[in-house]
Each structure stands twice: as C-alpha cells, then as structure tokens.
C-alpha cells in the first residue's frame, strides 16, 4: 500500500496595492446585498419590537418626576407635540407595508426595499423618542 501525498495549498498570497493614476476613478467596491426575505424578516422583527420599546419608553416616562407633576398639577409639561408620534407611527406602518409589498424582482426593488426599511427604523426611533421626550 502506497501513501498518497496530500495536495498542498499554495499558501496565502499577497498582492501589492495597486496604485491608481492621478485623475482616474477610484476602484468600485460592491455593496453588501440583502435578499428580499432578509429585508422582510428584518422589517417584521422591527415591527414586533416596536410595541415593547414603546411600552418601556412609557414606563420610563411614567416614573419620572416631571410627568407626575404634569399629570397631577399641569406643571412642567414638556415634550414633542403629540402629532409627531402619530405621524411617526403612520410612516413606520407605511414603510413596513412597502418593505413587505415590493416585489422581489427587478433592478430597482432592492434599493427601494432597503430605503423603506431604513425609513421604518427611523420612524420607529422617532416614535420612541417622542415618548421619551415627555420624561
């Protein structure tokens, strides 16, 4: 019985950094891609996480001294107007629907889906911050 030598790998290769000529465009790097299912999953998790985040924000506000004085005496009532939170909730819901309903095909679909996901996350952050601004 003869032993077969294991194939050897060439080892790590190093390449010298390429120098670009002055005035030439910079090399283009590919952006990470997100699948339609991944974006929909992220949007769904963000939508599910909104209710606990909103409730925790209201708990933090409810235990603050300023909110107690506002509730009891009508003093020190500060915070963003209530329409900001309502508008953020509507925008977050619309963006969530956009992420879910954008079809999976087409060159334009992934950027639209990712933009809608970013808008959803930003609107949800504004909604929670509008509650926390009352503390």
C-alpha atoms as a PDB file:
ATOM      1  CA  UNK A   1       0.000   0.000   0.000  1.00  0.00           C
ATOM      2  CA  UNK A   2       1.423   3.338  -1.009  1.00  0.00           C
ATOM      3  CA  UNK A   3       0.691   6.600   0.736  1.00  0.00           C
ATOM      4  CA  UNK A   4      -0.598   9.381  -1.411  1.00  0.00           C
ATOM      5  CA  UNK A   5       0.779  12.754  -0.595  1.00  0.00           C
ATOM      6  CA  UNK A   6      -1.817  15.305   0.385  1.00  0.00           C
ATOM      7  CA  UNK A   7      -2.273  18.145  -2.033  1.00  0.00           C
ATOM      8  CA  UNK A   8      -0.647  21.258  -0.792  1.00  0.00           C
ATOM      9  CA  UNK A   9      -2.234  24.632  -0.991  1.00  0.00           C
ATOM     10  CA  UNK A  10      -0.209  27.425  -2.459  1.00  0.00           C
ATOM     11  CA  UNK A  11      -0.471  29.269   0.852  1.00  0.00           C
ATOM     12  CA  UNK A  12      -1.577  32.809   1.427  1.00  0.00           C
ATOM     13  CA  UNK A  13      -0.922  35.093  -1.432  1.00  0.00           C
ATOM     14  CA  UNK A  14      -0.240  38.720  -1.069  1.00  0.00           C
ATOM     15  CA  UNK A  15      -0.735  41.269  -3.714  1.00  0.00           C
ATOM     16  CA  UNK A  16       0.836  44.630  -3.829  1.00  0.00           C
ATOM     17  CA  UNK A  17      -1.600  47.503  -3.516  1.00  0.00           C
ATOM     18  CA  UNK A  18      -2.437  48.868  -6.891  1.00  0.00           C
ATOM     19  CA  UNK A  19      -1.699  52.475  -7.418  1.00  0.00           C
ATOM     20  CA  UNK A  20      -4.194  54.474  -9.366  1.00  0.00           C
ATOM     21  CA  UNK A  21      -3.113  57.174 -11.673  1.00  0.00           C
ATOM     22  CA  UNK A  22      -3.992  60.702 -10.680  1.00  0.00           C
ATOM     23  CA  UNK A  23      -7.374  61.649 -12.071  1.00  0.00           C
ATOM     24  CA  UNK A  24      -8.535  58.063 -12.557  1.00  0.00           C
ATOM     25  CA  UNK A  25     -11.695  56.937 -10.758  1.00  0.00           C
ATOM     26  CA  UNK A  26     -11.380  55.033  -7.515  1.00  0.00           C
ATOM     27  CA  UNK A  27     -11.963  51.282  -7.676  1.00  0.00           C
ATOM     28  CA  UNK A  28     -15.596  50.359  -7.201  1.00  0.00           C
ATOM     29  CA  UNK A  29     -16.427  48.037  -4.332  1.00  0.00           C
ATOM     30  CA  UNK A  30     -19.631  46.044  -4.277  1.00  0.00           C
ATOM     31  CA  UNK A  31     -22.178  46.902  -1.630  1.00  0.00           C
ATOM     32  CA  UNK A  32     -23.475  44.072   0.515  1.00  0.00           C
ATOM     33  CA  UNK A  33     -26.713  42.719  -0.812  1.00  0.00           C
ATOM     34  CA  UNK A  34     -29.770  41.871   1.209  1.00  0.00           C
ATOM     35  CA  UNK A  35     -32.272  39.364  -0.052  1.00  0.00           C
ATOM     36  CA  UNK A  36     -35.964  40.141  -0.194  1.00  0.00           C
ATOM     37  CA  UNK A  37     -36.655  37.573   2.520  1.00  0.00           C
ATOM     38  CA  UNK A  38     -33.940  39.047   4.737  1.00  0.00           C
ATOM     39  CA  UNK A  39     -35.315  42.562   4.418  1.00  0.00           C
ATOM     40  CA  UNK A  40     -38.853  41.349   5.103  1.00  0.00           C
ATOM     41  CA  UNK A  41     -37.654  39.414   8.149  1.00  0.00           C
ATOM     42  CA  UNK A  42     -35.810  42.468   9.492  1.00  0.00           C
ATOM     43  CA  UNK A  43     -38.863  44.670   8.919  1.00  0.00           C
ATOM     44  CA  UNK A  44     -41.088  42.169  10.698  1.00  0.00           C
ATOM     45  CA  UNK A  45     -38.759  41.941  13.686  1.00  0.00           C
ATOM     46  CA  UNK A  46     -38.573  45.726  13.876  1.00  0.00           C
ATOM     47  CA  UNK A  47     -42.363  45.959  13.765  1.00  0.00           C
ATOM     48  CA  UNK A  48     -42.679  43.349  16.520  1.00  0.00           C
ATOM     49  CA  UNK A  49     -40.067  45.114  18.645  1.00  0.00           C
ATOM     50  CA  UNK A  50     -41.889  48.440  18.385  1.00  0.00           C
ATOM     51  CA  UNK A  51     -44.609  47.592  20.922  1.00  0.00           C
ATOM     52  CA  UNK A  52     -42.219  46.529  23.742  1.00  0.00           C
ATOM     53  CA  UNK A  53     -39.947  49.506  23.061  1.00  0.00           C
ATOM     54  CA  UNK A  54     -42.930  51.869  23.144  1.00  0.00           C
ATOM     55  CA  UNK A  55     -44.198  50.350  26.412  1.00  0.00           C
ATOM     56  CA  UNK A  56     -40.757  50.536  28.041  1.00  0.00           C
ATOM     57  CA  UNK A  57     -40.478  54.176  26.996  1.00  0.00           C
ATOM     58  CA  UNK A  58     -43.862  54.910  28.591  1.00  0.00           C
ATOM     59  CA  UNK A  59     -42.762  53.138  31.780  1.00  0.00           C
ATOM     60  CA  UNK A  60     -39.679  55.328  31.929  1.00  0.00           C
ATOM     61  CA  UNK A  61     -41.861  58.391  31.437  1.00  0.00           C
ATOM     62  CA  UNK A  62     -44.482  57.284  33.968  1.00  0.00           C
ATOM     63  CA  UNK A  63     -41.897  57.007  36.737  1.00  0.00           C
ATOM     64  CA  UNK A  64     -40.361  60.423  36.108  1.00  0.00           C
ATOM     65  CA  UNK A  65     -40.998  63.300  38.495  1.00  0.00           C
ATOM     66  CA  UNK A  66     -41.824  65.774  35.747  1.00  0.00           C
ATOM     67  CA  UNK A  67     -44.530  63.548  34.285  1.00  0.00           C
ATOM     68  CA  UNK A  68     -46.068  63.141  37.736  1.00  0.00           C
ATOM     69  CA  UNK A  69     -46.195  66.908  38.194  1.00  0.00           C
ATOM     70  CA  UNK A  70     -47.625  67.318  34.699  1.00  0.00           C
ATOM     71  CA  UNK A  71     -50.285  64.687  35.326  1.00  0.00           C
ATOM     72  CA  UNK A  72     -51.198  65.979  38.792  1.00  0.00           C
ATOM     73  CA  UNK A  73     -50.785  69.752  38.589  1.00  0.00           C
ATOM     74  CA  UNK A  74     -50.381  70.527  34.905  1.00  0.00           C
ATOM     75  CA  UNK A  75     -46.866  71.910  35.519  1.00  0.00           C
ATOM     76  CA  UNK A  76     -43.642  71.120  33.664  1.00  0.00           C
ATOM     77  CA  UNK A  77     -45.498  69.553  30.750  1.00  0.00           C
ATOM     78  CA  UNK A  78     -42.858  69.368  28.053  1.00  0.00           C
ATOM     79  CA  UNK A  79     -42.126  67.150  25.112  1.00  0.00           C
ATOM     80  CA  UNK A  80     -42.747  66.957  21.441  1.00  0.00           C
ATOM     81  CA  UNK A  81     -46.229  67.605  20.125  1.00  0.00           C
ATOM     82  CA  UNK A  82     -48.399  64.511  20.019  1.00  0.00           C
ATOM     83  CA  UNK A  83     -48.746  64.703  16.231  1.00  0.00           C
ATOM     84  CA  UNK A  84     -45.039  63.848  15.874  1.00  0.00           C
ATOM     85  CA  UNK A  85     -45.539  60.429  17.460  1.00  0.00           C
ATOM     86  CA  UNK A  86     -48.717  59.817  15.499  1.00  0.00           C
ATOM     87  CA  UNK A  87     -47.055  60.769  12.210  1.00  0.00           C
ATOM     88  CA  UNK A  88     -44.042  58.578  13.021  1.00  0.00           C
ATOM     89  CA  UNK A  89     -46.371  55.640  13.696  1.00  0.00           C
ATOM     90  CA  UNK A  90     -48.152  56.120  10.365  1.00  0.00           C
ATOM     91  CA  UNK A  91     -44.850  56.494   8.464  1.00  0.00           C
ATOM     92  CA  UNK A  92     -43.427  53.376  10.148  1.00  0.00           C
ATOM     93  CA  UNK A  93     -46.524  51.381   9.204  1.00  0.00           C
ATOM     94  CA  UNK A  94     -46.445  52.607   5.607  1.00  0.00           C
ATOM     95  CA  UNK A  95     -42.733  51.825   5.291  1.00  0.00           C
ATOM     96  CA  UNK A  96     -43.297  48.353   6.747  1.00  0.00           C
ATOM     97  CA  UNK A  97     -46.015  47.730   4.156  1.00  0.00           C
ATOM     98  CA  UNK A  98     -43.666  48.969   1.438  1.00  0.00           C
ATOM     99  CA  UNK A  99     -40.952  46.521   2.523  1.00  0.00           C
ATOM    100  CA  UNK A 100     -43.449  43.680   2.511  1.00  0.00           C
ATOM    101  CA  UNK A 101     -45.131  44.555  -0.786  1.00  0.00           C
ATOM    102  CA  UNK A 102     -42.172  45.482  -3.013  1.00  0.00           C
ATOM    103  CA  UNK A 103     -41.738  42.578  -5.429  1.00  0.00           C
ATOM    104  CA  UNK A 104     -38.564  40.525  -5.279  1.00  0.00           C
ATOM    105  CA  UNK A 105     -37.570  41.051  -8.906  1.00  0.00           C
ATOM    106  CA  UNK A 106     -36.146  43.968 -10.770  1.00  0.00           C
ATOM    107  CA  UNK A 107     -33.107  46.152 -10.502  1.00  0.00           C
ATOM    108  CA  UNK A 108     -34.994  48.857  -8.656  1.00  0.00           C
ATOM    109  CA  UNK A 109     -36.529  46.580  -5.992  1.00  0.00           C
ATOM    110  CA  UNK A 110     -33.581  46.079  -3.586  1.00  0.00           C
ATOM    111  CA  UNK A 111     -32.755  49.796  -3.193  1.00  0.00           C
ATOM    112  CA  UNK A 112     -36.437  50.649  -2.717  1.00  0.00           C
ATOM    113  CA  UNK A 113     -36.845  47.865  -0.169  1.00  0.00           C
ATOM    114  CA  UNK A 114     -33.740  48.887   1.785  1.00  0.00           C
ATOM    115  CA  UNK A 115     -34.771  52.539   1.736  1.00  0.00           C
ATOM    116  CA  UNK A 116     -38.215  51.613   3.049  1.00  0.00           C
ATOM    117  CA  UNK A 117     -36.578  49.529   5.789  1.00  0.00           C
ATOM    118  CA  UNK A 118     -34.357  52.466   6.773  1.00  0.00           C
ATOM    119  CA  UNK A 119     -37.381  54.787   6.841  1.00  0.00           C
ATOM    120  CA  UNK A 120     -39.263  52.283   9.002  1.00  0.00           C
ATOM    121  CA  UNK A 121     -36.422  52.040  11.519  1.00  0.00           C
ATOM    122  CA  UNK A 122     -36.000  55.818  11.628  1.00  0.00           C
ATOM    123  CA  UNK A 123     -39.727  56.392  12.128  1.00  0.00           C
ATOM    124  CA  UNK A 124     -39.839  53.836  14.926  1.00  0.00           C
ATOM    125  CA  UNK A 125     -36.904  55.558  16.608  1.00  0.00           C
ATOM    126  CA  UNK A 126     -38.685  58.921  16.335  1.00  0.00           C
ATOM    127  CA  UNK A 127     -41.832  57.369  17.828  1.00  0.00           C
ATOM    128  CA  UNK A 128     -39.953  56.047  20.866  1.00  0.00           C
ATOM    129  CA  UNK A 129     -38.029  59.302  21.244  1.00  0.00           C
ATOM    130  CA  UNK A 130     -41.262  61.298  21.096  1.00  0.00           C
ATOM    131  CA  UNK A 131     -42.489  59.307  24.096  1.00  0.00           C
ATOM    132  CA  UNK A 132     -39.187  59.690  25.937  1.00  0.00           C
ATOM    133  CA  UNK A 133     -39.213  63.445  25.345  1.00  0.00           C
ATOM    134  CA  UNK A 134     -42.049  63.688  27.850  1.00  0.00           C
ATOM    135  CA  UNK A 135     -39.884  62.364  30.693  1.00  0.00           C
END
